Amino acid sequence: VTLKECKKEEKADREFQKKFKFTGSISVLTQMMVDPAATEKRGGGKNLPLRRGEILDVIQFTNEEQILCRNSQRRYGYVPRAVMLHL
């Protein structure tokens, strides 16, 4: 990991904390997979795009309906709990 990549990740994390009013350190609780049978969605706003079979880092189990996740592009957002599968 280069210094440039590190700075970019830190910036992404700061923006995420501001946007989602997330305090404390960002830690990955577990990884879950988007159901391969799920309908793909573009995302937008505070929602992550849904890609079938994608493995996401779980940052927070927000509520009964949604989970706060991070994808491989280091983008953060909510994902419906209904489409997430345990690995």
N, C-alpha and C. Protein backbone atom coordinates (compact mmCIF):
# COMPACT_ATOMS: atom_id res chain seq x y z
N VAL A 1 0.85 -1.19 0.00
CA VAL A 1 0.00 0.00 0.00
C VAL A 1 0.89 1.25 0.00
N THR A 2 0.69 2.10 -0.98
CA THR A 2 1.50 3.31 -1.07
C THR A 2 0.93 4.39 -0.15
N LEU A 3 1.73 5.42 0.09
CA LEU A 3 1.29 6.53 0.92
C LEU A 3 0.08 7.20 0.30
N LYS A 4 0.10 7.33 -1.03
CA LYS A 4 -1.00 7.96 -1.76
C LYS A 4 -2.30 7.19 -1.53
N GLU A 5 -2.23 5.86 -1.62
CA GLU A 5 -3.41 5.02 -1.40
C GLU A 5 -3.91 5.16 0.04
N CYS A 6 -2.96 5.25 0.96
CA CYS A 6 -3.29 5.40 2.38
C CYS A 6 -4.07 6.69 2.62
N LYS A 7 -3.56 7.78 2.05
CA LYS A 7 -4.21 9.09 2.18
C LYS A 7 -5.62 9.05 1.58
N LYS A 8 -5.74 8.39 0.45
CA LYS A 8 -7.03 8.27 -0.24
C LYS A 8 -8.03 7.50 0.64
N GLU A 9 -7.56 6.43 1.25
CA GLU A 9 -8.41 5.63 2.14
C GLU A 9 -8.83 6.44 3.37
N GLU A 10 -7.88 7.17 3.94
CA GLU A 10 -8.20 8.01 5.10
C GLU A 10 -9.25 9.05 4.74
N LYS A 11 -9.11 9.65 3.57
CA LYS A 11 -10.06 10.66 3.11
C LYS A 11 -11.45 10.02 2.94
N ALA A 12 -11.50 8.85 2.32
CA ALA A 12 -12.77 8.14 2.12
C ALA A 12 -13.42 7.84 3.47
N ASP A 13 -12.59 7.42 4.43
CA ASP A 13 -13.10 7.10 5.77
C ASP A 13 -13.65 8.35 6.47
N ARG A 14 -12.94 9.47 6.33
CA ARG A 14 -13.40 10.73 6.96
C ARG A 14 -14.71 11.19 6.35
N GLU A 15 -14.80 11.11 5.03
CA GLU A 15 -16.03 11.51 4.35
C GLU A 15 -17.20 10.64 4.79
N PHE A 16 -16.93 9.34 4.92
CA PHE A 16 -17.95 8.41 5.38
C PHE A 16 -18.43 8.78 6.78
N GLN A 17 -17.48 9.04 7.70
CA GLN A 17 -17.83 9.37 9.08
C GLN A 17 -18.70 10.62 9.14
N LYS A 18 -18.39 11.60 8.30
CA LYS A 18 -19.15 12.84 8.27
C LYS A 18 -20.56 12.58 7.71
N LYS A 19 -20.62 11.91 6.57
CA LYS A 19 -21.89 11.66 5.88
C LYS A 19 -22.85 10.83 6.73
N PHE A 20 -22.33 9.83 7.42
CA PHE A 20 -23.18 8.92 8.18
C PHE A 20 -23.21 9.24 9.67
N LYS A 21 -22.57 10.38 10.06
CA LYS A 21 -22.48 10.77 11.47
C LYS A 21 -21.98 9.58 12.30
N PHE A 22 -20.94 8.93 11.78
CA PHE A 22 -20.37 7.74 12.41
C PHE A 22 -19.19 8.17 13.26
N THR A 23 -19.25 7.85 14.54
CA THR A 23 -18.14 8.22 15.42
C THR A 23 -17.38 6.97 15.84
N GLY A 24 -16.16 7.18 16.28
CA GLY A 24 -15.34 6.05 16.69
C GLY A 24 -14.58 5.48 15.52
N SER A 25 -13.83 4.45 15.80
CA SER A 25 -13.01 3.88 14.74
C SER A 25 -13.85 2.96 13.87
N ILE A 26 -13.47 2.88 12.61
CA ILE A 26 -14.18 2.04 11.65
C ILE A 26 -13.57 0.65 11.73
N SER A 27 -14.35 -0.31 12.16
CA SER A 27 -13.83 -1.67 12.19
C SER A 27 -14.80 -2.60 11.50
N VAL A 28 -14.25 -3.61 10.86
CA VAL A 28 -15.06 -4.58 10.13
C VAL A 28 -15.52 -5.65 11.11
N LEU A 29 -16.85 -5.78 11.26
CA LEU A 29 -17.40 -6.77 12.19
C LEU A 29 -17.35 -8.17 11.59
N THR A 30 -17.70 -8.25 10.32
CA THR A 30 -17.72 -9.53 9.62
C THR A 30 -17.81 -9.24 8.13
N GLN A 31 -17.83 -10.28 7.33
CA GLN A 31 -18.06 -10.11 5.90
C GLN A 31 -19.31 -10.89 5.53
N MET A 32 -20.10 -10.31 4.62
CA MET A 32 -21.30 -10.98 4.15
C MET A 32 -21.35 -10.85 2.64
N MET A 33 -22.15 -11.71 2.04
CA MET A 33 -22.25 -11.71 0.59
C MET A 33 -23.64 -11.27 0.14
N VAL A 34 -23.67 -10.48 -0.93
CA VAL A 34 -24.96 -10.12 -1.52
C VAL A 34 -25.51 -11.37 -2.20
N ASP A 35 -26.75 -11.68 -1.90
CA ASP A 35 -27.41 -12.86 -2.45
C ASP A 35 -27.29 -12.89 -3.98
N PRO A 36 -26.74 -14.00 -4.53
CA PRO A 36 -26.60 -14.09 -5.99
C PRO A 36 -27.95 -14.01 -6.72
N ALA A 37 -29.04 -14.24 -6.01
CA ALA A 37 -30.37 -14.16 -6.63
C ALA A 37 -31.00 -12.78 -6.48
N ALA A 38 -30.30 -11.87 -5.78
CA ALA A 38 -30.86 -10.53 -5.53
C ALA A 38 -30.93 -9.73 -6.83
N THR A 39 -31.82 -8.76 -6.83
CA THR A 39 -31.92 -7.84 -7.96
C THR A 39 -30.82 -6.81 -7.81
N GLU A 40 -30.04 -6.61 -8.86
CA GLU A 40 -28.95 -5.62 -8.78
C GLU A 40 -29.56 -4.22 -8.77
N LYS A 41 -28.97 -3.36 -7.95
CA LYS A 41 -29.46 -1.99 -7.86
C LYS A 41 -28.28 -1.04 -8.00
N ARG A 42 -28.55 0.12 -8.52
CA ARG A 42 -27.50 1.09 -8.78
C ARG A 42 -26.97 1.75 -7.50
N GLY A 43 -27.79 1.86 -6.48
CA GLY A 43 -27.35 2.55 -5.28
C GLY A 43 -27.62 4.02 -5.43
N GLY A 44 -26.97 4.82 -4.61
CA GLY A 44 -27.20 6.25 -4.65
C GLY A 44 -27.63 6.74 -3.28
N GLY A 45 -27.42 8.00 -3.04
CA GLY A 45 -27.69 8.55 -1.72
C GLY A 45 -26.80 7.85 -0.71
N LYS A 46 -27.40 7.23 0.27
CA LYS A 46 -26.61 6.53 1.28
C LYS A 46 -26.61 5.02 1.05
N ASN A 47 -27.12 4.59 -0.10
CA ASN A 47 -27.19 3.16 -0.38
C ASN A 47 -26.06 2.71 -1.30
N LEU A 48 -25.49 1.57 -0.97
CA LEU A 48 -24.45 1.00 -1.82
C LEU A 48 -25.09 0.34 -3.03
N PRO A 49 -24.39 0.38 -4.17
CA PRO A 49 -24.91 -0.40 -5.31
C PRO A 49 -24.87 -1.88 -4.97
N LEU A 50 -25.88 -2.61 -5.40
CA LEU A 50 -25.92 -4.05 -5.13
C LEU A 50 -25.41 -4.82 -6.33
N ARG A 51 -24.39 -5.63 -6.10
CA ARG A 51 -23.88 -6.51 -7.15
C ARG A 51 -23.98 -7.94 -6.64
N ARG A 52 -24.63 -8.77 -7.43
CA ARG A 52 -24.82 -10.17 -7.03
C ARG A 52 -23.51 -10.84 -6.67
N GLY A 53 -23.51 -11.54 -5.55
CA GLY A 53 -22.34 -12.32 -5.15
C GLY A 53 -21.18 -11.51 -4.60
N GLU A 54 -21.35 -10.18 -4.51
CA GLU A 54 -20.26 -9.35 -4.00
C GLU A 54 -20.08 -9.56 -2.49
N ILE A 55 -18.82 -9.62 -2.07
CA ILE A 55 -18.51 -9.76 -0.65
C ILE A 55 -18.31 -8.36 -0.08
N LEU A 56 -19.05 -8.05 0.98
CA LEU A 56 -18.98 -6.72 1.59
C LEU A 56 -18.48 -6.81 3.03
N ASP A 57 -17.74 -5.78 3.45
CA ASP A 57 -17.34 -5.67 4.86
C ASP A 57 -18.51 -5.06 5.62
N VAL A 58 -18.90 -5.69 6.73
CA VAL A 58 -19.97 -5.16 7.56
C VAL A 58 -19.36 -4.24 8.61
N ILE A 59 -19.78 -2.98 8.60
CA ILE A 59 -19.28 -1.98 9.54
C ILE A 59 -20.21 -1.87 10.75
N GLN A 60 -21.51 -1.96 10.49
CA GLN A 60 -22.48 -1.81 11.57
C GLN A 60 -23.81 -2.47 11.19
N PHE A 61 -24.38 -3.20 12.14
CA PHE A 61 -25.74 -3.72 11.96
C PHE A 61 -26.67 -2.59 12.42
N THR A 62 -27.10 -1.76 11.47
CA THR A 62 -27.80 -0.53 11.77
C THR A 62 -29.16 -0.77 12.43
N ASN A 63 -30.00 -1.55 11.77
CA ASN A 63 -31.32 -1.88 12.31
C ASN A 63 -31.85 -3.15 11.64
N GLU A 64 -33.12 -3.44 11.85
CA GLU A 64 -33.70 -4.67 11.30
C GLU A 64 -33.68 -4.70 9.77
N GLU A 65 -33.75 -3.52 9.15
CA GLU A 65 -33.87 -3.46 7.70
C GLU A 65 -32.54 -3.37 6.96
N GLN A 66 -31.56 -2.71 7.57
CA GLN A 66 -30.34 -2.45 6.80
C GLN A 66 -29.04 -2.62 7.59
N ILE A 67 -27.99 -2.81 6.81
CA ILE A 67 -26.65 -3.00 7.37
C ILE A 67 -25.75 -1.97 6.70
N LEU A 68 -24.87 -1.37 7.48
CA LEU A 68 -23.90 -0.42 6.94
C LEU A 68 -22.67 -1.20 6.50
N CYS A 69 -22.34 -1.10 5.21
CA CYS A 69 -21.28 -1.92 4.63
C CYS A 69 -20.26 -1.08 3.87
N ARG A 70 -19.14 -1.74 3.54
CA ARG A 70 -18.11 -1.14 2.70
C ARG A 70 -17.80 -2.15 1.60
N ASN A 71 -17.72 -1.65 0.36
CA ASN A 71 -17.41 -2.57 -0.73
C ASN A 71 -15.92 -2.54 -1.07
N SER A 72 -15.53 -3.32 -2.06
CA SER A 72 -14.11 -3.45 -2.40
C SER A 72 -13.52 -2.16 -2.96
N GLN A 73 -14.38 -1.25 -3.45
CA GLN A 73 -13.89 0.05 -3.92
C GLN A 73 -13.80 1.06 -2.77
N ARG A 74 -14.00 0.55 -1.55
CA ARG A 74 -13.94 1.37 -0.33
C ARG A 74 -15.05 2.40 -0.29
N ARG A 75 -16.19 2.08 -0.88
CA ARG A 75 -17.35 2.94 -0.79
C ARG A 75 -18.25 2.39 0.30
N TYR A 76 -18.83 3.31 1.03
CA TYR A 76 -19.68 2.94 2.16
C TYR A 76 -21.13 3.19 1.83
N GLY A 77 -22.01 2.42 2.47
CA GLY A 77 -23.43 2.68 2.30
C GLY A 77 -24.27 1.59 2.93
N TYR A 78 -25.57 1.83 2.90
CA TYR A 78 -26.50 0.87 3.48
C TYR A 78 -26.86 -0.19 2.45
N VAL A 79 -27.07 -1.39 2.95
CA VAL A 79 -27.50 -2.51 2.12
C VAL A 79 -28.68 -3.15 2.84
N PRO A 80 -29.74 -3.49 2.11
CA PRO A 80 -30.88 -4.15 2.76
C PRO A 80 -30.46 -5.49 3.36
N ARG A 81 -30.85 -5.71 4.60
CA ARG A 81 -30.49 -6.94 5.30
C ARG A 81 -31.03 -8.17 4.57
N ALA A 82 -32.16 -8.00 3.90
CA ALA A 82 -32.83 -9.11 3.22
C ALA A 82 -31.98 -9.74 2.12
N VAL A 83 -31.06 -8.98 1.52
CA VAL A 83 -30.28 -9.52 0.41
C VAL A 83 -28.90 -10.02 0.85
N MET A 84 -28.61 -9.96 2.15
CA MET A 84 -27.28 -10.32 2.63
C MET A 84 -27.25 -11.76 3.17
N LEU A 85 -26.20 -12.48 2.79
CA LEU A 85 -26.03 -13.85 3.25
C LEU A 85 -24.75 -13.97 4.06
N HIS A 86 -24.80 -14.78 5.14
CA HIS A 86 -23.59 -15.04 5.90
C HIS A 86 -22.68 -15.94 5.09
N LEU A 87 -21.40 -15.71 5.21
CA LEU A 87 -20.42 -16.54 4.48
C LEU A 87 -20.22 -17.87 5.19
